[in-house]
N, C-alpha and C. Protein backbone atom coordinates (compact mmCIF):
# COMPACT_ATOMS: atom_id res chain seq x y z
N UNK A 1 38.82 161.46 103.68
CA UNK A 1 39.08 162.89 103.80
C UNK A 1 37.70 162.92 104.70
N UNK A 2 38.27 164.21 105.62
CA UNK A 2 37.89 164.43 106.73
C UNK A 2 36.31 165.80 106.19
N UNK A 3 35.36 166.03 107.38
CA UNK A 3 34.86 167.29 106.74
C UNK A 3 35.15 168.33 105.83
N UNK A 4 36.09 168.89 107.31
CA UNK A 4 37.23 169.96 106.61
C UNK A 4 37.21 170.17 105.51
N UNK A 5 38.21 168.75 104.48
CA UNK A 5 38.35 168.83 103.73
C UNK A 5 37.56 168.65 102.13
N UNK A 6 36.26 168.17 102.49
CA UNK A 6 35.38 167.46 101.63
C UNK A 6 34.42 169.12 101.65
N UNK A 7 34.07 169.81 102.00
CA UNK A 7 33.67 171.17 102.37
C UNK A 7 34.42 172.25 101.63
N UNK A 8 35.98 172.49 101.93
CA UNK A 8 36.76 173.11 100.78
C UNK A 8 36.52 172.45 99.35
N UNK A 9 36.90 171.28 99.18
CA UNK A 9 36.25 170.39 97.55
C UNK A 9 35.56 170.65 97.03
N UNK A 10 34.41 171.13 97.67
CA UNK A 10 33.29 171.04 97.06
C UNK A 10 32.76 172.51 97.55
N UNK A 11 33.44 173.52 97.84
CA UNK A 11 33.10 174.97 98.15
C UNK A 11 31.21 174.88 98.88
N UNK A 12 31.54 174.26 99.90
CA UNK A 12 30.11 174.15 101.13
C UNK A 12 30.54 174.42 102.00
N UNK A 13 29.31 174.59 102.26
CA UNK A 13 29.00 174.82 104.68
C UNK A 13 29.26 173.38 104.67
N UNK A 14 29.00 173.33 106.18
CA UNK A 14 29.73 172.45 107.23
C UNK A 14 28.43 171.99 107.38
N UNK A 15 27.30 172.59 107.23
CA UNK A 15 26.28 173.11 107.60
C UNK A 15 25.21 172.02 106.57
N UNK A 16 25.81 172.45 105.22
CA UNK A 16 25.65 171.38 103.89
C UNK A 16 25.92 170.06 103.91
N UNK A 17 26.89 170.07 104.35
CA UNK A 17 27.80 168.72 104.17
C UNK A 17 27.21 167.98 105.34
N UNK A 18 26.47 168.00 106.51
CA UNK A 18 25.35 167.90 106.98
C UNK A 18 24.60 167.32 106.35
N UNK A 19 23.65 167.99 105.65
CA UNK A 19 21.95 167.96 104.75
C UNK A 19 22.79 166.53 103.92
N UNK A 20 23.71 166.56 103.47
CA UNK A 20 24.31 165.59 102.39
C UNK A 20 24.11 164.32 103.04
N UNK A 21 25.33 164.61 104.51
CA UNK A 21 24.99 162.93 104.78
C UNK A 21 23.41 162.51 105.42
N UNK A 22 22.22 163.54 105.97
CA UNK A 22 21.19 163.47 106.12
C UNK A 22 20.48 162.76 105.40
N UNK A 23 20.65 163.55 104.14
CA UNK A 23 19.36 162.45 102.71
C UNK A 23 20.17 161.86 101.95
N UNK A 24 21.80 161.07 103.21
CA UNK A 24 21.79 159.37 102.42
C UNK A 24 23.01 160.42 100.40
N UNK A 25 23.08 161.78 100.66
CA UNK A 25 23.43 162.03 99.43
C UNK A 25 25.09 161.93 98.54
N UNK A 26 25.49 161.66 100.21
CA UNK A 26 27.64 161.55 100.09
C UNK A 26 27.55 160.43 101.50
N UNK A 27 28.12 159.20 100.64
CA UNK A 27 28.48 157.79 101.54
C UNK A 27 30.27 158.78 102.68
N UNK A 28 29.22 158.61 104.45
CA UNK A 28 30.84 158.11 104.86
C UNK A 28 30.40 156.99 106.20
N UNK A 29 32.29 157.44 106.63
CA UNK A 29 32.23 157.32 108.25
C UNK A 29 31.88 157.51 108.71
N UNK A 30 32.19 157.46 110.44
CA UNK A 30 32.72 158.35 111.38
C UNK A 30 32.96 156.84 112.38
N UNK A 31 34.55 157.90 112.56
CA UNK A 31 35.30 156.97 113.66
C UNK A 31 35.42 157.70 115.19
N UNK A 32 34.79 157.73 116.10
CA UNK A 32 35.10 158.43 116.93
C UNK A 32 34.89 159.90 117.27
N UNK A 33 33.91 159.89 116.36
CA UNK A 33 32.64 161.21 116.44
C UNK A 33 33.40 162.26 115.41
N UNK A 34 34.31 161.51 115.00
CA UNK A 34 34.63 162.77 113.45
C UNK A 34 34.13 161.93 112.25
N UNK A 35 33.54 162.68 110.87
CA UNK A 35 33.73 162.08 109.92
C UNK A 35 34.41 162.13 109.16
N UNK A 36 34.28 160.53 107.87
CA UNK A 36 35.17 160.70 106.86
C UNK A 36 34.90 160.19 105.66
N UNK A 37 35.35 160.38 104.57
CA UNK A 37 34.57 160.35 103.20
C UNK A 37 35.50 159.62 102.13
N UNK A 38 35.55 158.62 101.71
CA UNK A 38 36.35 158.00 100.70
C UNK A 38 36.37 159.47 99.06
N UNK A 39 37.63 159.25 98.67
CA UNK A 39 38.45 160.76 97.55
C UNK A 39 37.09 160.22 96.83
N UNK A 40 37.23 158.88 96.29
CA UNK A 40 36.41 158.37 95.14
C UNK A 40 34.28 158.46 94.97
N UNK A 41 34.64 158.81 96.46
CA UNK A 41 32.79 159.29 96.67
C UNK A 41 32.54 160.21 96.22
N UNK A 42 33.90 161.30 96.90
CA UNK A 42 32.89 162.46 96.92
C UNK A 42 32.92 163.04 95.34
N UNK A 43 34.11 162.15 94.62
CA UNK A 43 34.21 162.75 93.38
C UNK A 43 33.59 162.11 92.78
N UNK A 44 32.52 160.98 93.27
CA UNK A 44 31.47 161.15 92.34
C UNK A 44 29.95 161.66 92.27
N UNK A 45 30.36 161.63 93.49
CA UNK A 45 29.28 163.20 94.23
C UNK A 45 29.40 164.07 93.40
N UNK A 46 30.17 164.79 93.48
CA UNK A 46 30.70 166.26 92.55
C UNK A 46 30.64 165.99 90.70
N UNK A 47 30.87 164.58 90.49
CA UNK A 47 30.70 164.42 89.17
C UNK A 47 29.10 164.82 88.12
N UNK A 48 28.51 163.84 89.24
CA UNK A 48 27.09 164.07 89.31
C UNK A 48 26.53 165.38 89.27
N UNK A 49 26.94 165.72 90.31
CA UNK A 49 26.09 167.54 89.94
C UNK A 49 26.95 168.44 88.87
N UNK A 50 27.28 168.01 88.27
CA UNK A 50 28.36 168.56 87.89
C UNK A 50 27.38 168.58 86.35
N UNK A 51 26.73 169.89 85.48
CA UNK A 51 25.82 170.19 85.05
C UNK A 51 26.75 169.95 84.33
N UNK A 52 26.15 169.43 82.22
CA UNK A 52 26.70 168.53 81.28
C UNK A 52 26.12 169.81 80.51
N UNK A 53 27.04 170.00 79.32
CA UNK A 53 26.34 171.14 78.45
C UNK A 53 25.95 170.01 77.37
N UNK A 54 24.79 170.08 76.53
CA UNK A 54 24.38 169.09 75.39
C UNK A 54 24.65 169.38 74.42
N UNK A 55 25.13 167.91 73.95
CA UNK A 55 25.73 168.17 72.36
C UNK A 55 24.95 169.14 71.77
N UNK A 56 25.75 170.03 70.74
CA UNK A 56 25.55 170.76 69.51
C UNK A 56 25.31 170.23 68.97
N UNK A 57 23.79 170.17 68.09
CA UNK A 57 23.42 169.55 66.90
C UNK A 57 23.52 170.05 66.01
N UNK A 58 24.18 169.71 64.76
CA UNK A 58 24.08 170.53 63.17
C UNK A 58 23.05 171.23 63.24
N UNK A 59 22.82 171.73 62.66
CA UNK A 59 21.66 172.29 62.38
C UNK A 59 21.71 172.15 60.74
N UNK A 60 20.60 171.33 60.10
CA UNK A 60 20.41 170.78 58.99
C UNK A 60 19.82 171.83 58.05
N UNK A 61 20.16 171.86 56.99
CA UNK A 61 19.36 172.71 56.07
C UNK A 61 18.75 172.28 54.92
N UNK A 62 17.75 173.10 54.90
CA UNK A 62 16.69 172.01 53.57
C UNK A 62 16.44 172.92 53.02
N UNK A 63 17.43 172.53 51.28
CA UNK A 63 16.73 173.76 50.22
C UNK A 63 15.66 173.35 49.64
N UNK A 64 14.88 174.45 49.12
CA UNK A 64 13.70 173.99 48.49
C UNK A 64 13.78 174.49 47.51
N UNK A 65 13.51 173.46 46.08
CA UNK A 65 13.97 173.55 44.81
C UNK A 65 12.43 174.82 44.71
């Protein structure tokens, strides 16, 4: 994937993607001045940034006699 593909997939700007590279948040390769990203790295990054809703805990009802 190139930078444009990643920006579209993550719905981010090129500047944000640059920031991710500088911070080491998203692995990349640079070939001839162009940046490339592995699909599985982008998917792993997205998975790590996806908010998870905590599992619902059943409400225990204690009965007082």
